[in-house]
């Protein structure tokens, strides 16, 4: 659904946040050329959802969402990395 204005960021901000949370540098590149079809900036309009669920409130800010994603997946990511590492015979 998106985070509306409550919880949003640029890709550069997301990379920085993920590096802070994981304590690791991410491998990434930047190009000046926009990908076809990409939005330069997009903020979800959640008013229709809120009209159907008036008691619902966003509780997680961006940092908490990213932290939760990291904590729920880090063990799996480490296991996948170990399983894909080539070991000499």
Protein backbone atom coordinates (compact mmCIF):
# COMPACT_ATOMS: atom_id res chain seq x y z
CA UNK A 1 0.00 0.00 0.00
CA UNK A 2 2.90 2.35 0.60
CA UNK A 3 3.79 4.57 3.48
CA UNK A 4 2.21 7.85 2.34
CA UNK A 5 4.06 10.86 3.76
CA UNK A 6 4.41 9.07 7.10
CA UNK A 7 6.98 6.55 5.92
CA UNK A 8 8.86 7.20 2.68
CA UNK A 9 12.39 7.83 1.43
CA UNK A 10 14.59 7.99 -1.63
CA UNK A 11 16.68 5.02 -2.76
CA UNK A 12 19.82 6.78 -1.49
CA UNK A 13 18.19 7.21 1.92
CA UNK A 14 17.04 3.57 1.91
CA UNK A 15 20.58 2.36 1.12
CA UNK A 16 22.03 4.48 3.94
CA UNK A 17 19.39 3.24 6.39
CA UNK A 18 19.96 -0.42 5.46
CA UNK A 19 23.72 0.02 5.91
CA UNK A 20 23.16 1.56 9.35
CA UNK A 21 20.82 -1.25 10.43
CA UNK A 22 22.95 -4.11 9.09
CA UNK A 23 26.30 -2.59 9.97
CA UNK A 24 27.50 -3.54 6.48
CA UNK A 25 28.27 -1.66 3.30
CA UNK A 26 25.88 -2.52 0.47
CA UNK A 27 27.17 -3.09 -3.04
CA UNK A 28 25.35 -0.62 -5.26
CA UNK A 29 25.87 1.62 -8.26
CA UNK A 30 24.29 4.84 -9.41
CA UNK A 31 23.56 6.05 -12.90
CA UNK A 32 22.18 9.41 -14.00
CA UNK A 33 19.89 7.70 -16.54
CA UNK A 34 16.39 6.97 -15.24
CA UNK A 35 15.00 3.53 -15.97
CA UNK A 36 12.03 3.62 -18.33
CA UNK A 37 8.80 3.60 -16.32
CA UNK A 38 10.39 4.54 -12.99
CA UNK A 39 8.76 7.29 -10.97
CA UNK A 40 11.12 10.02 -9.87
CA UNK A 41 9.14 10.42 -6.65
CA UNK A 42 5.98 8.64 -5.55
CA UNK A 43 3.99 8.94 -2.35
CA UNK A 44 0.99 6.65 -1.88
CA UNK A 45 -2.43 8.17 -1.31
CA UNK A 46 -3.93 5.99 1.43
CA UNK A 47 -7.11 8.01 1.99
CA UNK A 48 -9.38 5.40 0.36
CA UNK A 49 -7.92 2.65 2.57
CA UNK A 50 -8.32 4.86 5.63
CA UNK A 51 -11.94 5.55 4.70
CA UNK A 52 -12.62 1.78 4.76
CA UNK A 53 -10.63 1.27 7.99
CA UNK A 54 -11.05 4.49 10.00
CA UNK A 55 -9.54 3.05 13.20
CA UNK A 56 -6.34 1.91 11.46
CA UNK A 57 -3.18 3.96 12.10
CA UNK A 58 0.31 3.60 10.74
CA UNK A 59 2.53 2.53 13.63
CA UNK A 60 5.88 1.81 11.99
CA UNK A 61 8.09 4.55 10.68
CA UNK A 62 10.63 3.80 7.98
CA UNK A 63 13.45 2.85 10.37
CA UNK A 64 11.22 0.43 12.28
CA UNK A 65 9.99 -1.18 9.04
CA UNK A 66 13.54 -1.66 7.74
CA UNK A 67 14.73 -2.96 11.13
CA UNK A 68 11.86 -5.47 11.23
CA UNK A 69 12.60 -6.67 7.69
CA UNK A 70 16.27 -7.09 8.58
CA UNK A 71 15.62 -8.96 11.85
CA UNK A 72 13.10 -11.32 10.25
CA UNK A 73 15.43 -12.19 7.34
CA UNK A 74 19.06 -11.91 8.45
CA UNK A 75 19.40 -15.57 9.46
CA UNK A 76 18.00 -16.72 6.10
CA UNK A 77 20.27 -14.33 4.19
CA UNK A 78 23.34 -15.59 6.06
CA UNK A 79 22.36 -19.23 5.43
CA UNK A 80 21.85 -18.53 1.72
CA UNK A 81 25.24 -16.82 1.52
CA UNK A 82 26.94 -19.80 3.20
CA UNK A 83 25.15 -22.28 0.92
CA UNK A 84 26.14 -20.43 -2.25
CA UNK A 85 29.81 -19.99 -1.33
CA UNK A 86 32.09 -22.17 -3.45
CA UNK A 87 34.38 -24.31 -1.30
CA UNK A 88 37.57 -25.84 -2.71
CA UNK A 89 37.76 -29.65 -2.66
